[in-house]
Amino acid sequence: MAGLKAARARGRKGGRPKVNQQKINEAIALYHSKRISVKELQEATGISAAILYLHPHI
């Protein structure tokens, strides 16, 4: 706990970085357009298939 407290004092947060919501919205729009495969969508946007399928709008 002391190490975590020291890291926070230096400005470190820890944990996984959040995915940009704008990129997710763009990926979902592309997914719904049916013009691009999921694999191509991953390469184009950098959003994983797991993130796409976990999103409630799919």
PDB file of N, CA and C in Angstrom:
ATOM      1  N   MET A   1       0.824  -1.194   0.000  1.00  0.00           N
ATOM      2  CA  MET A   1       0.000   0.000   0.000  1.00  0.00           C
ATOM      3  C   MET A   1       0.869   1.261   0.000  1.00  0.00           C
ATOM      4  N   ALA A   2       2.006   1.167   0.648  1.00  0.00           N
ATOM      5  CA  ALA A   2       2.885   2.331   0.686  1.00  0.00           C
ATOM      6  C   ALA A   2       3.406   2.659  -0.713  1.00  0.00           C
ATOM      7  N   GLY A   3       3.692   1.612  -1.494  1.00  0.00           N
ATOM      8  CA  GLY A   3       4.161   1.830  -2.863  1.00  0.00           C
ATOM      9  C   GLY A   3       3.094   2.480  -3.723  1.00  0.00           C
ATOM     10  N   LEU A   4       1.832   2.036  -3.582  1.00  0.00           N
ATOM     11  CA  LEU A   4       0.733   2.638  -4.341  1.00  0.00           C
ATOM     12  C   LEU A   4       0.533   4.093  -3.950  1.00  0.00           C
ATOM     13  N   LYS A   5       0.630   4.355  -2.662  1.00  0.00           N
ATOM     14  CA  LYS A   5       0.466   5.728  -2.173  1.00  0.00           C
ATOM     15  C   LYS A   5       1.583   6.630  -2.720  1.00  0.00           C
ATOM     16  N   ALA A   6       2.802   6.108  -2.747  1.00  0.00           N
ATOM     17  CA  ALA A   6       3.933   6.874  -3.270  1.00  0.00           C
ATOM     18  C   ALA A   6       3.764   7.131  -4.768  1.00  0.00           C
ATOM     19  N   ALA A   7       3.277   6.123  -5.499  1.00  0.00           N
ATOM     20  CA  ALA A   7       3.064   6.287  -6.941  1.00  0.00           C
ATOM     21  C   ALA A   7       1.984   7.333  -7.199  1.00  0.00           C
ATOM     22  N   ARG A   8       0.904   7.299  -6.436  1.00  0.00           N
ATOM     23  CA  ARG A   8      -0.154   8.298  -6.602  1.00  0.00           C
ATOM     24  C   ARG A   8       0.361   9.700  -6.291  1.00  0.00           C
ATOM     25  N   ALA A   9       1.248   9.810  -5.319  1.00  0.00           N
ATOM     26  CA  ALA A   9       1.833  11.110  -4.980  1.00  0.00           C
ATOM     27  C   ALA A   9       2.664  11.648  -6.141  1.00  0.00           C
ATOM     28  N   ARG A  10       3.230  10.732  -6.961  1.00  0.00           N
ATOM     29  CA  ARG A  10       4.005  11.151  -8.136  1.00  0.00           C
ATOM     30  C   ARG A  10       3.118  11.371  -9.357  1.00  0.00           C
ATOM     31  N   GLY A  11       1.799  11.175  -9.199  1.00  0.00           N
ATOM     32  CA  GLY A  11       0.884  11.429 -10.298  1.00  0.00           C
ATOM     33  C   GLY A  11       0.516  10.203 -11.108  1.00  0.00           C
ATOM     34  N   ARG A  12       0.896   9.025 -10.664  1.00  0.00           N
ATOM     35  CA  ARG A  12       0.568   7.796 -11.379  1.00  0.00           C
ATOM     36  C   ARG A  12      -0.801   7.305 -10.920  1.00  0.00           C
ATOM     37  N   LYS A  13      -1.608   6.834 -11.864  1.00  0.00           N
ATOM     38  CA  LYS A  13      -2.933   6.349 -11.508  1.00  0.00           C
ATOM     39  C   LYS A  13      -2.997   4.842 -11.481  1.00  0.00           C
ATOM     40  N   GLY A  14      -2.421   4.185 -12.470  1.00  0.00           N
ATOM     41  CA  GLY A  14      -2.488   2.739 -12.560  1.00  0.00           C
ATOM     42  C   GLY A  14      -3.746   2.293 -13.287  1.00  0.00           C
ATOM     43  N   GLY A  15      -3.811   1.018 -13.581  1.00  0.00           N
ATOM     44  CA  GLY A  15      -4.967   0.474 -14.265  1.00  0.00           C
ATOM     45  C   GLY A  15      -4.851   0.581 -15.773  1.00  0.00           C
ATOM     46  N   ARG A  16      -5.837   0.003 -16.436  1.00  0.00           N
ATOM     47  CA  ARG A  16      -5.857  -0.008 -17.898  1.00  0.00           C
ATOM     48  C   ARG A  16      -6.346   1.341 -18.414  1.00  0.00           C
ATOM     49  N   PRO A  17      -5.717   1.882 -19.459  1.00  0.00           N
ATOM     50  CA  PRO A  17      -6.174   3.158 -20.019  1.00  0.00           C
ATOM     51  C   PRO A  17      -7.571   3.017 -20.642  1.00  0.00           C
ATOM     52  N   LYS A  18      -8.361   4.056 -20.544  1.00  0.00           N
ATOM     53  CA  LYS A  18      -9.703   4.061 -21.124  1.00  0.00           C
ATOM     54  C   LYS A  18      -9.598   4.161 -22.641  1.00  0.00           C
ATOM     55  N   VAL A  19     -10.581   3.557 -23.323  1.00  0.00           N
ATOM     56  CA  VAL A  19     -10.652   3.624 -24.774  1.00  0.00           C
ATOM     57  C   VAL A  19     -11.395   4.901 -25.144  1.00  0.00           C
ATOM     58  N   ASN A  20     -10.919   5.592 -26.154  1.00  0.00           N
ATOM     59  CA  ASN A  20     -11.521   6.838 -26.601  1.00  0.00           C
ATOM     60  C   ASN A  20     -12.959   6.577 -27.069  1.00  0.00           C
ATOM     61  N   GLN A  21     -13.935   7.238 -26.460  1.00  0.00           N
ATOM     62  CA  GLN A  21     -15.341   7.025 -26.780  1.00  0.00           C
ATOM     63  C   GLN A  21     -15.658   7.418 -28.223  1.00  0.00           C
ATOM     64  N   GLN A  22     -14.989   8.428 -28.745  1.00  0.00           N
ATOM     65  CA  GLN A  22     -15.215   8.834 -30.137  1.00  0.00           C
ATOM     66  C   GLN A  22     -14.803   7.719 -31.093  1.00  0.00           C
ATOM     67  N   LYS A  23     -13.684   7.049 -30.813  1.00  0.00           N
ATOM     68  CA  LYS A  23     -13.244   5.928 -31.649  1.00  0.00           C
ATOM     69  C   LYS A  23     -14.236   4.784 -31.585  1.00  0.00           C
ATOM     70  N   ILE A  24     -14.794   4.534 -30.402  1.00  0.00           N
ATOM     71  CA  ILE A  24     -15.785   3.467 -30.256  1.00  0.00           C
ATOM     72  C   ILE A  24     -17.020   3.793 -31.088  1.00  0.00           C
ATOM     73  N   ASN A  25     -17.479   5.022 -31.037  1.00  0.00           N
ATOM     74  CA  ASN A  25     -18.664   5.424 -31.799  1.00  0.00           C
ATOM     75  C   ASN A  25     -18.428   5.288 -33.303  1.00  0.00           C
ATOM     76  N   GLU A  26     -17.241   5.665 -33.762  1.00  0.00           N
ATOM     77  CA  GLU A  26     -16.904   5.524 -35.178  1.00  0.00           C
ATOM     78  C   GLU A  26     -16.887   4.048 -35.576  1.00  0.00           C
ATOM     79  N   ALA A  27     -16.309   3.211 -34.717  1.00  0.00           N
ATOM     80  CA  ALA A  27     -16.234   1.783 -35.009  1.00  0.00           C
ATOM     81  C   ALA A  27     -17.625   1.167 -35.061  1.00  0.00           C
ATOM     82  N   ILE A  28     -18.509   1.579 -34.166  1.00  0.00           N
ATOM     83  CA  ILE A  28     -19.873   1.054 -34.157  1.00  0.00           C
ATOM     84  C   ILE A  28     -20.617   1.474 -35.415  1.00  0.00           C
ATOM     85  N   ALA A  29     -20.415   2.716 -35.845  1.00  0.00           N
ATOM     86  CA  ALA A  29     -21.056   3.181 -37.078  1.00  0.00           C
ATOM     87  C   ALA A  29     -20.577   2.365 -38.270  1.00  0.00           C
ATOM     88  N   LEU A  30     -19.285   2.092 -38.336  1.00  0.00           N
ATOM     89  CA  LEU A  30     -18.744   1.269 -39.415  1.00  0.00           C
ATOM     90  C   LEU A  30     -19.283  -0.153 -39.337  1.00  0.00           C
ATOM     91  N   TYR A  31     -19.406  -0.676 -38.135  1.00  0.00           N
ATOM     92  CA  TYR A  31     -19.914  -2.032 -37.949  1.00  0.00           C
ATOM     93  C   TYR A  31     -21.349  -2.141 -38.457  1.00  0.00           C
ATOM     94  N   HIS A  32     -22.171  -1.152 -38.147  1.00  0.00           N
ATOM     95  CA  HIS A  32     -23.565  -1.179 -38.568  1.00  0.00           C
ATOM     96  C   HIS A  32     -23.740  -0.920 -40.066  1.00  0.00           C
ATOM     97  N   SER A  33     -22.756  -0.292 -40.696  1.00  0.00           N
ATOM     98  CA  SER A  33     -22.857  -0.024 -42.130  1.00  0.00           C
ATOM     99  C   SER A  33     -22.696  -1.308 -42.955  1.00  0.00           C
ATOM    100  N   LYS A  34     -22.125  -2.362 -42.353  1.00  0.00           N
ATOM    101  CA  LYS A  34     -21.921  -3.665 -43.006  1.00  0.00           C
ATOM    102  C   LYS A  34     -21.017  -3.581 -44.242  1.00  0.00           C
ATOM    103  N   ARG A  35     -20.239  -2.509 -44.372  1.00  0.00           N
ATOM    104  CA  ARG A  35     -19.330  -2.363 -45.509  1.00  0.00           C
ATOM    105  C   ARG A  35     -17.919  -2.824 -45.176  1.00  0.00           C
ATOM    106  N   ILE A  36     -17.667  -3.112 -43.927  1.00  0.00           N
ATOM    107  CA  ILE A  36     -16.315  -3.446 -43.492  1.00  0.00           C
ATOM    108  C   ILE A  36     -16.404  -4.619 -42.510  1.00  0.00           C
ATOM    109  N   SER A  37     -15.463  -5.544 -42.603  1.00  0.00           N
ATOM    110  CA  SER A  37     -15.473  -6.694 -41.701  1.00  0.00           C
ATOM    111  C   SER A  37     -14.941  -6.270 -40.326  1.00  0.00           C
ATOM    112  N   VAL A  38     -15.177  -7.117 -39.345  1.00  0.00           N
ATOM    113  CA  VAL A  38     -14.724  -6.806 -37.994  1.00  0.00           C
ATOM    114  C   VAL A  38     -13.197  -6.750 -37.956  1.00  0.00           C
ATOM    115  N   LYS A  39     -12.551  -7.634 -38.668  1.00  0.00           N
ATOM    116  CA  LYS A  39     -11.086  -7.634 -38.690  1.00  0.00           C
ATOM    117  C   LYS A  39     -10.547  -6.338 -39.307  1.00  0.00           C
ATOM    118  N   GLU A  40     -11.132  -5.908 -40.419  1.00  0.00           N
ATOM    119  CA  GLU A  40     -10.720  -4.650 -41.043  1.00  0.00           C
ATOM    120  C   GLU A  40     -11.023  -3.466 -40.127  1.00  0.00           C
ATOM    121  N   LEU A  41     -12.134  -3.547 -39.431  1.00  0.00           N
ATOM    122  CA  LEU A  41     -12.517  -2.489 -38.507  1.00  0.00           C
ATOM    123  C   LEU A  41     -11.498  -2.375 -37.370  1.00  0.00           C
ATOM    124  N   GLN A  42     -11.041  -3.505 -36.864  1.00  0.00           N
ATOM    125  CA  GLN A  42     -10.021  -3.504 -35.813  1.00  0.00           C
ATOM    126  C   GLN A  42      -8.744  -2.832 -36.288  1.00  0.00           C
ATOM    127  N   GLU A  43      -8.332  -3.160 -37.507  1.00  0.00           N
ATOM    128  CA  GLU A  43      -7.097  -2.586 -38.045  1.00  0.00           C
ATOM    129  C   GLU A  43      -7.241  -1.092 -38.306  1.00  0.00           C
ATOM    130  N   ALA A  44      -8.420  -0.669 -38.763  1.00  0.00           N
ATOM    131  CA  ALA A  44      -8.633   0.727 -39.115  1.00  0.00           C
ATOM    132  C   ALA A  44      -8.763   1.628 -37.889  1.00  0.00           C
ATOM    133  N   THR A  45      -9.431   1.137 -36.848  1.00  0.00           N
ATOM    134  CA  THR A  45      -9.709   1.998 -35.697  1.00  0.00           C
ATOM    135  C   THR A  45      -8.862   1.691 -34.472  1.00  0.00           C
ATOM    136  N   GLY A  46      -8.301   0.491 -34.401  1.00  0.00           N
ATOM    137  CA  GLY A  46      -7.531   0.109 -33.225  1.00  0.00           C
ATOM    138  C   GLY A  46      -8.406  -0.364 -32.075  1.00  0.00           C
ATOM    139  N   ILE A  47      -9.705  -0.548 -32.321  1.00  0.00           N
ATOM    140  CA  ILE A  47     -10.643  -1.015 -31.312  1.00  0.00           C
ATOM    141  C   ILE A  47     -10.768  -2.530 -31.450  1.00  0.00           C
ATOM    142  N   SER A  48     -10.655  -3.243 -30.342  1.00  0.00           N
ATOM    143  CA  SER A  48     -10.730  -4.703 -30.410  1.00  0.00           C
ATOM    144  C   SER A  48     -12.164  -5.172 -30.585  1.00  0.00           C
ATOM    145  N   ALA A  49     -12.304  -6.395 -31.061  1.00  0.00           N
ATOM    146  CA  ALA A  49     -13.631  -6.982 -31.250  1.00  0.00           C
ATOM    147  C   ALA A  49     -14.338  -7.121 -29.915  1.00  0.00           C
ATOM    148  N   ALA A  50     -13.603  -7.411 -28.855  1.00  0.00           N
ATOM    149  CA  ALA A  50     -14.210  -7.554 -27.526  1.00  0.00           C
ATOM    150  C   ALA A  50     -14.878  -6.254 -27.092  1.00  0.00           C
ATOM    151  N   ILE A  51     -14.232  -5.129 -27.335  1.00  0.00           N
ATOM    152  CA  ILE A  51     -14.822  -3.831 -26.982  1.00  0.00           C
ATOM    153  C   ILE A  51     -16.090  -3.607 -27.791  1.00  0.00           C
ATOM    154  N   LEU A  52     -16.050  -3.942 -29.067  1.00  0.00           N
ATOM    155  CA  LEU A  52     -17.245  -3.769 -29.905  1.00  0.00           C
ATOM    156  C   LEU A  52     -18.415  -4.596 -29.401  1.00  0.00           C
ATOM    157  N   TYR A  53     -18.148  -5.859 -29.115  1.00  0.00           N
ATOM    158  CA  TYR A  53     -19.223  -6.755 -28.714  1.00  0.00           C
ATOM    159  C   TYR A  53     -19.720  -6.463 -27.303  1.00  0.00           C
ATOM    160  N   LEU A  54     -18.892  -5.868 -26.467  1.00  0.00           N
ATOM    161  CA  LEU A  54     -19.317  -5.509 -25.110  1.00  0.00           C
ATOM    162  C   LEU A  54     -20.170  -4.240 -25.092  1.00  0.00           C
ATOM    163  N   HIS A  55     -20.067  -3.447 -26.139  1.00  0.00           N
ATOM    164  CA  HIS A  55     -20.804  -2.190 -26.172  1.00  0.00           C
ATOM    165  C   HIS A  55     -22.304  -2.465 -26.322  1.00  0.00           C
ATOM    166  N   PRO A  56     -23.158  -1.768 -25.576  1.00  0.00           N
ATOM    167  CA  PRO A  56     -24.599  -2.076 -25.574  1.00  0.00           C
ATOM    168  C   PRO A  56     -25.326  -1.759 -26.878  1.00  0.00           C
ATOM    169  N   HIS A  57     -24.753  -0.958 -27.780  1.00  0.00           N
ATOM    170  CA  HIS A  57     -25.447  -0.568 -29.002  1.00  0.00           C
ATOM    171  C   HIS A  57     -25.270  -1.552 -30.139  1.00  0.00           C
ATOM    172  N   ILE A  58     -24.604  -2.663 -29.896  1.00  0.00           N
ATOM    173  CA  ILE A  58     -24.379  -3.638 -30.958  1.00  0.00           C
ATOM    174  C   ILE A  58     -25.419  -4.714 -30.899  1.00  0.00           C
TER     175      ILE A  58
END
